[in-house]
Amino acid sequence: MVRTKLILIAIASLLAVGSPGLWFLMSEKQEAQHRRATFFGSSKTYPTSGGEKMKVEW
């Protein structure tokens, strides 16, 4: 009886400590991916007005 309660308390405490830790690691990974995308990514708007016309040079 006592052993079963200790096992249940141990499982509950592992879940209580592990869940926030896992959530923290997942949020850090998403934040790192967002920083990487903004640093290495290109701008999504490509201005097409006011430039020179392209001509083919042979």
C-alpha atoms as a PDB file:
ATOM      1  CA  MET A   1       0.000   0.000   0.000  1.00  0.00           C
ATOM      2  CA  VAL A   2       2.735   2.443   0.974  1.00  0.00           C
ATOM      3  CA  ARG A   3       4.895   1.355  -1.956  1.00  0.00           C
ATOM      4  CA  THR A   4       2.057   2.006  -4.418  1.00  0.00           C
ATOM      5  CA  LYS A   5       1.511   5.482  -2.997  1.00  0.00           C
ATOM      6  CA  LEU A   6       5.225   6.269  -3.271  1.00  0.00           C
ATOM      7  CA  ILE A   7       5.277   5.132  -6.880  1.00  0.00           C
ATOM      8  CA  LEU A   8       2.219   7.262  -7.702  1.00  0.00           C
ATOM      9  CA  ILE A   9       3.743  10.278  -5.945  1.00  0.00           C
ATOM     10  CA  ALA A  10       7.008   9.776  -7.862  1.00  0.00           C
ATOM     11  CA  ILE A  11       5.160   9.578 -11.188  1.00  0.00           C
ATOM     12  CA  ALA A  12       3.095  12.656 -10.376  1.00  0.00           C
ATOM     13  CA  SER A  13       6.169  14.644  -9.366  1.00  0.00           C
ATOM     14  CA  LEU A  14       8.008  13.611 -12.542  1.00  0.00           C
ATOM     15  CA  LEU A  15       5.069  14.782 -14.616  1.00  0.00           C
ATOM     16  CA  ALA A  16       4.855  18.020 -12.650  1.00  0.00           C
ATOM     17  CA  VAL A  17       8.532  18.777 -13.224  1.00  0.00           C
ATOM     18  CA  GLY A  18       8.850  17.311 -16.720  1.00  0.00           C
ATOM     19  CA  SER A  19       5.884  18.992 -18.386  1.00  0.00           C
ATOM     20  CA  PRO A  20       6.989  22.613 -17.829  1.00  0.00           C
ATOM     21  CA  GLY A  21      10.543  21.663 -18.737  1.00  0.00           C
ATOM     22  CA  LEU A  22       9.405  20.107 -21.989  1.00  0.00           C
ATOM     23  CA  TRP A  23       7.206  23.119 -22.747  1.00  0.00           C
ATOM     24  CA  PHE A  24      10.154  25.459 -22.103  1.00  0.00           C
ATOM     25  CA  LEU A  25      12.422  23.503 -24.445  1.00  0.00           C
ATOM     26  CA  MET A  26       9.785  23.462 -27.188  1.00  0.00           C
ATOM     27  CA  SER A  27       9.195  27.218 -26.932  1.00  0.00           C
ATOM     28  CA  GLU A  28      12.946  27.893 -27.069  1.00  0.00           C
ATOM     29  CA  LYS A  29      13.245  25.758 -30.196  1.00  0.00           C
ATOM     30  CA  GLN A  30      10.424  27.659 -31.900  1.00  0.00           C
ATOM     31  CA  GLU A  31      11.967  30.999 -30.915  1.00  0.00           C
ATOM     32  CA  ALA A  32      15.335  29.920 -32.337  1.00  0.00           C
ATOM     33  CA  GLN A  33      13.689  28.886 -35.601  1.00  0.00           C
ATOM     34  CA  HIS A  34      11.945  32.256 -35.814  1.00  0.00           C
ATOM     35  CA  ARG A  35      15.217  34.158 -35.211  1.00  0.00           C
ATOM     36  CA  ARG A  36      16.986  32.016 -37.809  1.00  0.00           C
ATOM     37  CA  ALA A  37      14.261  32.642 -40.388  1.00  0.00           C
ATOM     38  CA  THR A  38      14.333  36.402 -39.876  1.00  0.00           C
ATOM     39  CA  PHE A  39      18.135  36.565 -39.978  1.00  0.00           C
ATOM     40  CA  PHE A  40      18.791  34.341 -43.005  1.00  0.00           C
ATOM     41  CA  GLY A  41      15.495  34.793 -44.827  1.00  0.00           C
ATOM     42  CA  SER A  42      14.984  37.220 -47.645  1.00  0.00           C
ATOM     43  CA  SER A  43      12.401  39.937 -47.691  1.00  0.00           C
ATOM     44  CA  LYS A  44       9.097  38.717 -49.014  1.00  0.00           C
ATOM     45  CA  THR A  45       8.326  41.975 -50.811  1.00  0.00           C
ATOM     46  CA  TYR A  46      10.083  42.505 -54.082  1.00  0.00           C
ATOM     47  CA  PRO A  47       9.809  46.088 -55.332  1.00  0.00           C
ATOM     48  CA  THR A  48       9.189  46.124 -59.070  1.00  0.00           C
ATOM     49  CA  SER A  49       8.680  49.821 -59.763  1.00  0.00           C
ATOM     50  CA  GLY A  50      11.241  52.473 -60.682  1.00  0.00           C
ATOM     51  CA  GLY A  51      13.993  50.260 -62.058  1.00  0.00           C
ATOM     52  CA  GLU A  52      15.743  50.009 -65.386  1.00  0.00           C
ATOM     53  CA  LYS A  53      14.299  47.831 -68.094  1.00  0.00           C
ATOM     54  CA  MET A  54      16.230  44.680 -68.680  1.00  0.00           C
ATOM     55  CA  LYS A  55      17.771  44.254 -72.089  1.00  0.00           C
ATOM     56  CA  VAL A  56      19.500  41.257 -73.489  1.00  0.00           C
ATOM     57  CA  GLU A  57      23.172  41.733 -74.268  1.00  0.00           C
ATOM     58  CA  TRP A  58      24.613  39.284 -76.752  1.00  0.00           C
END
